[in-house]
């Protein structure tokens, strides 16, 4: 049980780290694009980023 919680927390932190790296690379103000401009395309793109990062983190944790 403890290992599951620990790995889950590490996975969430690594996924968020991937988001922040992506945010720096893209150079857009993603928060403004999502909240103020309500840009659906940015939301879909970020969903793909989160899913991609999560798949990579899960693969690393399982190996």
PDB file of N, CA and C in Angstrom:
ATOM      1  N   UNK A   1       0.826  -1.191   0.000  1.00  0.00           N
ATOM      2  CA  UNK A   1       0.000   0.000   0.000  1.00  0.00           C
ATOM      3  C   UNK A   1       0.876   1.263   0.000  1.00  0.00           C
ATOM      4  N   UNK A   2       1.896   1.266   0.821  1.00  0.00           N
ATOM      5  CA  UNK A   2       2.785   2.421   0.906  1.00  0.00           C
ATOM      6  C   UNK A   2       3.527   2.614  -0.414  1.00  0.00           C
ATOM      7  N   UNK A   3       3.963   1.519  -1.013  1.00  0.00           N
ATOM      8  CA  UNK A   3       4.683   1.605  -2.284  1.00  0.00           C
ATOM      9  C   UNK A   3       3.782   2.176  -3.381  1.00  0.00           C
ATOM     10  N   UNK A   4       2.525   1.793  -3.383  1.00  0.00           N
ATOM     11  CA  UNK A   4       1.588   2.298  -4.381  1.00  0.00           C
ATOM     12  C   UNK A   4       1.399   3.807  -4.230  1.00  0.00           C
ATOM     13  N   UNK A   5       1.238   4.272  -3.003  1.00  0.00           N
ATOM     14  CA  UNK A   5       1.079   5.702  -2.756  1.00  0.00           C
ATOM     15  C   UNK A   5       2.349   6.456  -3.143  1.00  0.00           C
ATOM     16  N   UNK A   6       3.494   5.890  -2.803  1.00  0.00           N
ATOM     17  CA  UNK A   6       4.773   6.526  -3.124  1.00  0.00           C
ATOM     18  C   UNK A   6       4.969   6.622  -4.637  1.00  0.00           C
ATOM     19  N   UNK A   7       4.750   5.527  -5.339  1.00  0.00           N
ATOM     20  CA  UNK A   7       4.906   5.540  -6.794  1.00  0.00           C
ATOM     21  C   UNK A   7       3.879   6.463  -7.451  1.00  0.00           C
ATOM     22  N   UNK A   8       2.666   6.508  -6.917  1.00  0.00           N
ATOM     23  CA  UNK A   8       1.654   7.412  -7.448  1.00  0.00           C
ATOM     24  C   UNK A   8       2.067   8.868  -7.300  1.00  0.00           C
ATOM     25  N   UNK A   9       2.586   9.213  -6.117  1.00  0.00           N
ATOM     26  CA  UNK A   9       3.037  10.587  -5.877  1.00  0.00           C
ATOM     27  C   UNK A   9       4.212  10.944  -6.784  1.00  0.00           C
ATOM     28  N   UNK A  10       5.144  10.024  -6.931  1.00  0.00           N
ATOM     29  CA  UNK A  10       6.292  10.268  -7.822  1.00  0.00           C
ATOM     30  C   UNK A  10       5.809  10.431  -9.262  1.00  0.00           C
ATOM     31  N   UNK A  11       4.866   9.613  -9.673  1.00  0.00           N
ATOM     32  CA  UNK A  11       4.320   9.712 -11.030  1.00  0.00           C
ATOM     33  C   UNK A  11       3.648  11.047 -11.282  1.00  0.00           C
ATOM     34  N   UNK A  12       2.871  11.520 -10.307  1.00  0.00           N
ATOM     35  CA  UNK A  12       2.208  12.817 -10.455  1.00  0.00           C
ATOM     36  C   UNK A  12       3.234  13.939 -10.527  1.00  0.00           C
ATOM     37  N   UNK A  13       4.245  13.893  -9.676  1.00  0.00           N
ATOM     38  CA  UNK A  13       5.284  14.924  -9.688  1.00  0.00           C
ATOM     39  C   UNK A  13       6.057  14.943 -11.005  1.00  0.00           C
ATOM     40  N   UNK A  14       6.373  13.762 -11.532  1.00  0.00           N
ATOM     41  CA  UNK A  14       7.085  13.696 -12.806  1.00  0.00           C
ATOM     42  C   UNK A  14       6.221  14.182 -13.968  1.00  0.00           C
ATOM     43  N   UNK A  15       4.932  13.899 -13.913  1.00  0.00           N
ATOM     44  CA  UNK A  15       4.027  14.377 -14.956  1.00  0.00           C
ATOM     45  C   UNK A  15       3.927  15.905 -14.916  1.00  0.00           C
ATOM     46  N   UNK A  16       3.842  16.467 -13.719  1.00  0.00           N
ATOM     47  CA  UNK A  16       3.817  17.924 -13.595  1.00  0.00           C
ATOM     48  C   UNK A  16       5.133  18.547 -14.047  1.00  0.00           C
ATOM     49  N   UNK A  17       6.240  17.885 -13.753  1.00  0.00           N
ATOM     50  CA  UNK A  17       7.538  18.374 -14.220  1.00  0.00           C
ATOM     51  C   UNK A  17       7.571  18.385 -15.748  1.00  0.00           C
ATOM     52  N   UNK A  18       7.010  17.356 -16.368  1.00  0.00           N
ATOM     53  CA  UNK A  18       6.924  17.315 -17.828  1.00  0.00           C
ATOM     54  C   UNK A  18       6.090  18.455 -18.378  1.00  0.00           C
ATOM     55  N   UNK A  19       5.014  18.791 -17.689  1.00  0.00           N
ATOM     56  CA  UNK A  19       4.182  19.928 -18.111  1.00  0.00           C
ATOM     57  C   UNK A  19       4.972  21.224 -18.039  1.00  0.00           C
ATOM     58  N   UNK A  20       5.706  21.449 -16.938  1.00  0.00           N
ATOM     59  CA  UNK A  20       6.458  22.695 -16.799  1.00  0.00           C
ATOM     60  C   UNK A  20       7.579  22.790 -17.832  1.00  0.00           C
ATOM     61  N   UNK A  21       8.209  21.676 -18.148  1.00  0.00           N
ATOM     62  CA  UNK A  21       9.230  21.678 -19.200  1.00  0.00           C
ATOM     63  C   UNK A  21       8.587  22.015 -20.544  1.00  0.00           C
ATOM     64  N   UNK A  22       7.447  21.411 -20.822  1.00  0.00           N
ATOM     65  CA  UNK A  22       6.734  21.691 -22.072  1.00  0.00           C
ATOM     66  C   UNK A  22       6.326  23.159 -22.141  1.00  0.00           C
ATOM     67  N   UNK A  23       5.875  23.701 -21.015  1.00  0.00           N
ATOM     68  CA  UNK A  23       5.476  25.105 -20.958  1.00  0.00           C
ATOM     69  C   UNK A  23       6.645  26.024 -21.292  1.00  0.00           C
ATOM     70  N   UNK A  24       7.831  25.703 -20.803  1.00  0.00           N
ATOM     71  CA  UNK A  24       9.012  26.522 -21.085  1.00  0.00           C
ATOM     72  C   UNK A  24       9.457  26.385 -22.539  1.00  0.00           C
ATOM     73  N   UNK A  25       9.339  25.185 -23.093  1.00  0.00           N
ATOM     74  CA  UNK A  25       9.771  24.950 -24.471  1.00  0.00           C
ATOM     75  C   UNK A  25       8.855  25.652 -25.470  1.00  0.00           C
ATOM     76  N   UNK A  26       7.549  25.570 -25.250  1.00  0.00           N
ATOM     77  CA  UNK A  26       6.582  26.130 -26.190  1.00  0.00           C
ATOM     78  C   UNK A  26       6.646  27.650 -26.206  1.00  0.00           C
ATOM     79  N   UNK A  27       6.808  28.263 -25.055  1.00  0.00           N
ATOM     80  CA  UNK A  27       6.930  29.708 -24.994  1.00  0.00           C
ATOM     81  C   UNK A  27       5.609  30.463 -25.007  1.00  0.00           C
ATOM     82  N   UNK A  28       4.489  29.761 -24.889  1.00  0.00           N
ATOM     83  CA  UNK A  28       3.177  30.405 -24.805  1.00  0.00           C
ATOM     84  C   UNK A  28       2.798  30.583 -23.342  1.00  0.00           C
ATOM     85  N   UNK A  29       1.883  31.499 -23.077  1.00  0.00           N
ATOM     86  CA  UNK A  29       1.311  31.617 -21.747  1.00  0.00           C
ATOM     87  C   UNK A  29       0.105  30.682 -21.711  1.00  0.00           C
ATOM     88  N   UNK A  30       0.358  29.424 -21.359  1.00  0.00           N
ATOM     89  CA  UNK A  30      -0.683  28.404 -21.455  1.00  0.00           C
ATOM     90  C   UNK A  30      -1.855  28.693 -20.533  1.00  0.00           C
ATOM     91  N   UNK A  31      -1.575  29.236 -19.353  1.00  0.00           N
ATOM     92  CA  UNK A  31      -2.658  29.539 -18.413  1.00  0.00           C
ATOM     93  C   UNK A  31      -3.600  30.599 -18.996  1.00  0.00           C
ATOM     94  N   UNK A  32      -3.031  31.646 -19.585  1.00  0.00           N
ATOM     95  CA  UNK A  32      -3.860  32.688 -20.186  1.00  0.00           C
ATOM     96  C   UNK A  32      -4.651  32.136 -21.356  1.00  0.00           C
ATOM     97  N   UNK A  33      -3.984  31.316 -22.176  1.00  0.00           N
ATOM     98  CA  UNK A  33      -4.666  30.734 -23.341  1.00  0.00           C
ATOM     99  C   UNK A  33      -5.855  29.877 -22.919  1.00  0.00           C
ATOM    100  N   UNK A  34      -5.700  29.121 -21.834  1.00  0.00           N
ATOM    101  CA  UNK A  34      -6.783  28.244 -21.389  1.00  0.00           C
ATOM    102  C   UNK A  34      -7.886  28.998 -20.660  1.00  0.00           C
ATOM    103  N   UNK A  35      -7.508  29.851 -19.718  1.00  0.00           N
ATOM    104  CA  UNK A  35      -8.499  30.478 -18.849  1.00  0.00           C
ATOM    105  C   UNK A  35      -9.147  31.697 -19.498  1.00  0.00           C
ATOM    106  N   UNK A  36      -8.337  32.629 -19.943  1.00  0.00           N
ATOM    107  CA  UNK A  36      -8.895  33.884 -20.459  1.00  0.00           C
ATOM    108  C   UNK A  36      -9.419  33.745 -21.887  1.00  0.00           C
ATOM    109  N   UNK A  37      -8.618  33.144 -22.759  1.00  0.00           N
ATOM    110  CA  UNK A  37      -9.011  33.035 -24.163  1.00  0.00           C
ATOM    111  C   UNK A  37      -9.877  31.809 -24.435  1.00  0.00           C
ATOM    112  N   UNK A  38      -9.927  30.880 -23.503  1.00  0.00           N
ATOM    113  CA  UNK A  38     -10.684  29.629 -23.630  1.00  0.00           C
ATOM    114  C   UNK A  38     -10.378  28.921 -24.952  1.00  0.00           C
ATOM    115  N   UNK A  39      -9.092  28.769 -25.208  1.00  0.00           N
ATOM    116  CA  UNK A  39      -8.613  28.148 -26.437  1.00  0.00           C
ATOM    117  C   UNK A  39      -8.716  26.623 -26.311  1.00  0.00           C
ATOM    118  N   UNK A  40      -9.668  26.043 -27.006  1.00  0.00           N
ATOM    119  CA  UNK A  40      -9.909  24.605 -26.935  1.00  0.00           C
ATOM    120  C   UNK A  40      -8.745  23.808 -27.505  1.00  0.00           C
ATOM    121  N   UNK A  41      -8.120  24.323 -28.545  1.00  0.00           N
ATOM    122  CA  UNK A  41      -6.996  23.612 -29.161  1.00  0.00           C
ATOM    123  C   UNK A  41      -5.839  23.464 -28.173  1.00  0.00           C
ATOM    124  N   UNK A  42      -5.573  24.481 -27.370  1.00  0.00           N
ATOM    125  CA  UNK A  42      -4.517  24.397 -26.357  1.00  0.00           C
ATOM    126  C   UNK A  42      -4.890  23.352 -25.309  1.00  0.00           C
ATOM    127  N   UNK A  43      -6.164  23.307 -24.941  1.00  0.00           N
ATOM    128  CA  UNK A  43      -6.626  22.299 -23.974  1.00  0.00           C
ATOM    129  C   UNK A  43      -6.428  20.887 -24.484  1.00  0.00           C
ATOM    130  N   UNK A  44      -6.739  20.663 -25.742  1.00  0.00           N
ATOM    131  CA  UNK A  44      -6.547  19.335 -26.344  1.00  0.00           C
ATOM    132  C   UNK A  44      -5.061  19.008 -26.429  1.00  0.00           C
ATOM    133  N   UNK A  45      -4.252  19.992 -26.788  1.00  0.00           N
ATOM    134  CA  UNK A  45      -2.812  19.777 -26.864  1.00  0.00           C
ATOM    135  C   UNK A  45      -2.238  19.434 -25.485  1.00  0.00           C
ATOM    136  N   UNK A  46      -2.674  20.138 -24.454  1.00  0.00           N
ATOM    137  CA  UNK A  46      -2.185  19.845 -23.099  1.00  0.00           C
ATOM    138  C   UNK A  46      -2.650  18.475 -22.612  1.00  0.00           C
ATOM    139  N   UNK A  47      -3.846  18.076 -22.999  1.00  0.00           N
ATOM    140  CA  UNK A  47      -4.307  16.732 -22.644  1.00  0.00           C
ATOM    141  C   UNK A  47      -3.379  15.686 -23.246  1.00  0.00           C
ATOM    142  N   UNK A  48      -2.964  15.898 -24.489  1.00  0.00           N
ATOM    143  CA  UNK A  48      -2.009  14.993 -25.125  1.00  0.00           C
ATOM    144  C   UNK A  48      -0.665  14.996 -24.426  1.00  0.00           C
ATOM    145  N   UNK A  49      -0.230  16.173 -23.970  1.00  0.00           N
ATOM    146  CA  UNK A  49       1.042  16.266 -23.250  1.00  0.00           C
ATOM    147  C   UNK A  49       0.965  15.482 -21.945  1.00  0.00           C
ATOM    148  N   UNK A  50      -0.124  15.665 -21.201  1.00  0.00           N
ATOM    149  CA  UNK A  50      -0.276  14.944 -19.939  1.00  0.00           C
ATOM    150  C   UNK A  50      -0.360  13.436 -20.164  1.00  0.00           C
ATOM    151  N   UNK A  51      -1.091  13.007 -21.167  1.00  0.00           N
ATOM    152  CA  UNK A  51      -1.205  11.572 -21.452  1.00  0.00           C
ATOM    153  C   UNK A  51       0.150  11.010 -21.876  1.00  0.00           C
ATOM    154  N   UNK A  52       0.863  11.740 -22.740  1.00  0.00           N
ATOM    155  CA  UNK A  52       2.180  11.289 -23.174  1.00  0.00           C
ATOM    156  C   UNK A  52       3.170  11.183 -22.031  1.00  0.00           C
ATOM    157  N   UNK A  53       3.206  12.204 -21.182  1.00  0.00           N
ATOM    158  CA  UNK A  53       4.100  12.169 -20.020  1.00  0.00           C
ATOM    159  C   UNK A  53       3.725  11.029 -19.086  1.00  0.00           C
ATOM    160  N   UNK A  54       2.448  10.817 -18.896  1.00  0.00           N
ATOM    161  CA  UNK A  54       2.003   9.746 -18.000  1.00  0.00           C
ATOM    162  C   UNK A  54       2.386   8.369 -18.536  1.00  0.00           C
ATOM    163  N   UNK A  55       2.293   8.176 -19.834  1.00  0.00           N
ATOM    164  CA  UNK A  55       2.684   6.897 -20.434  1.00  0.00           C
ATOM    165  C   UNK A  55       4.174   6.653 -20.234  1.00  0.00           C
ATOM    166  N   UNK A  56       4.984   7.690 -20.445  1.00  0.00           N
ATOM    167  CA  UNK A  56       6.430   7.555 -20.263  1.00  0.00           C
ATOM    168  C   UNK A  56       6.763   7.256 -18.801  1.00  0.00           C
ATOM    169  N   UNK A  57       6.137   7.984 -17.879  1.00  0.00           N
ATOM    170  CA  UNK A  57       6.392   7.771 -16.452  1.00  0.00           C
ATOM    171  C   UNK A  57       5.967   6.358 -16.044  1.00  0.00           C
ATOM    172  N   UNK A  58       4.814   5.904 -16.520  1.00  0.00           N
ATOM    173  CA  UNK A  58       4.356   4.553 -16.192  1.00  0.00           C
ATOM    174  C   UNK A  58       5.307   3.496 -16.740  1.00  0.00           C
ATOM    175  N   UNK A  59       5.809   3.702 -17.945  1.00  0.00           N
ATOM    176  CA  UNK A  59       6.739   2.732 -18.532  1.00  0.00           C
ATOM    177  C   UNK A  59       8.038   2.676 -17.748  1.00  0.00           C
ATOM    178  N   UNK A  60       8.506   3.823 -17.297  1.00  0.00           N
ATOM    179  CA  UNK A  60       9.744   3.850 -16.511  1.00  0.00           C
ATOM    180  C   UNK A  60       9.535   3.178 -15.165  1.00  0.00           C
ATOM    181  N   UNK A  61       8.394   3.408 -14.554  1.00  0.00           N
ATOM    182  CA  UNK A  61       8.131   2.844 -13.233  1.00  0.00           C
ATOM    183  C   UNK A  61       7.917   1.334 -13.285  1.00  0.00           C
ATOM    184  N   UNK A  62       7.437   0.815 -14.414  1.00  0.00           N
ATOM    185  CA  UNK A  62       7.193  -0.619 -14.530  1.00  0.00           C
ATOM    186  C   UNK A  62       8.448  -1.394 -14.901  1.00  0.00           C
ATOM    187  N   UNK A  63       9.440  -0.719 -15.448  1.00  0.00           N
ATOM    188  CA  UNK A  63      10.629  -1.446 -15.867  1.00  0.00           C
ATOM    189  C   UNK A  63      11.620  -1.624 -14.736  1.00  0.00           C
TER     190      UNK A  63
END
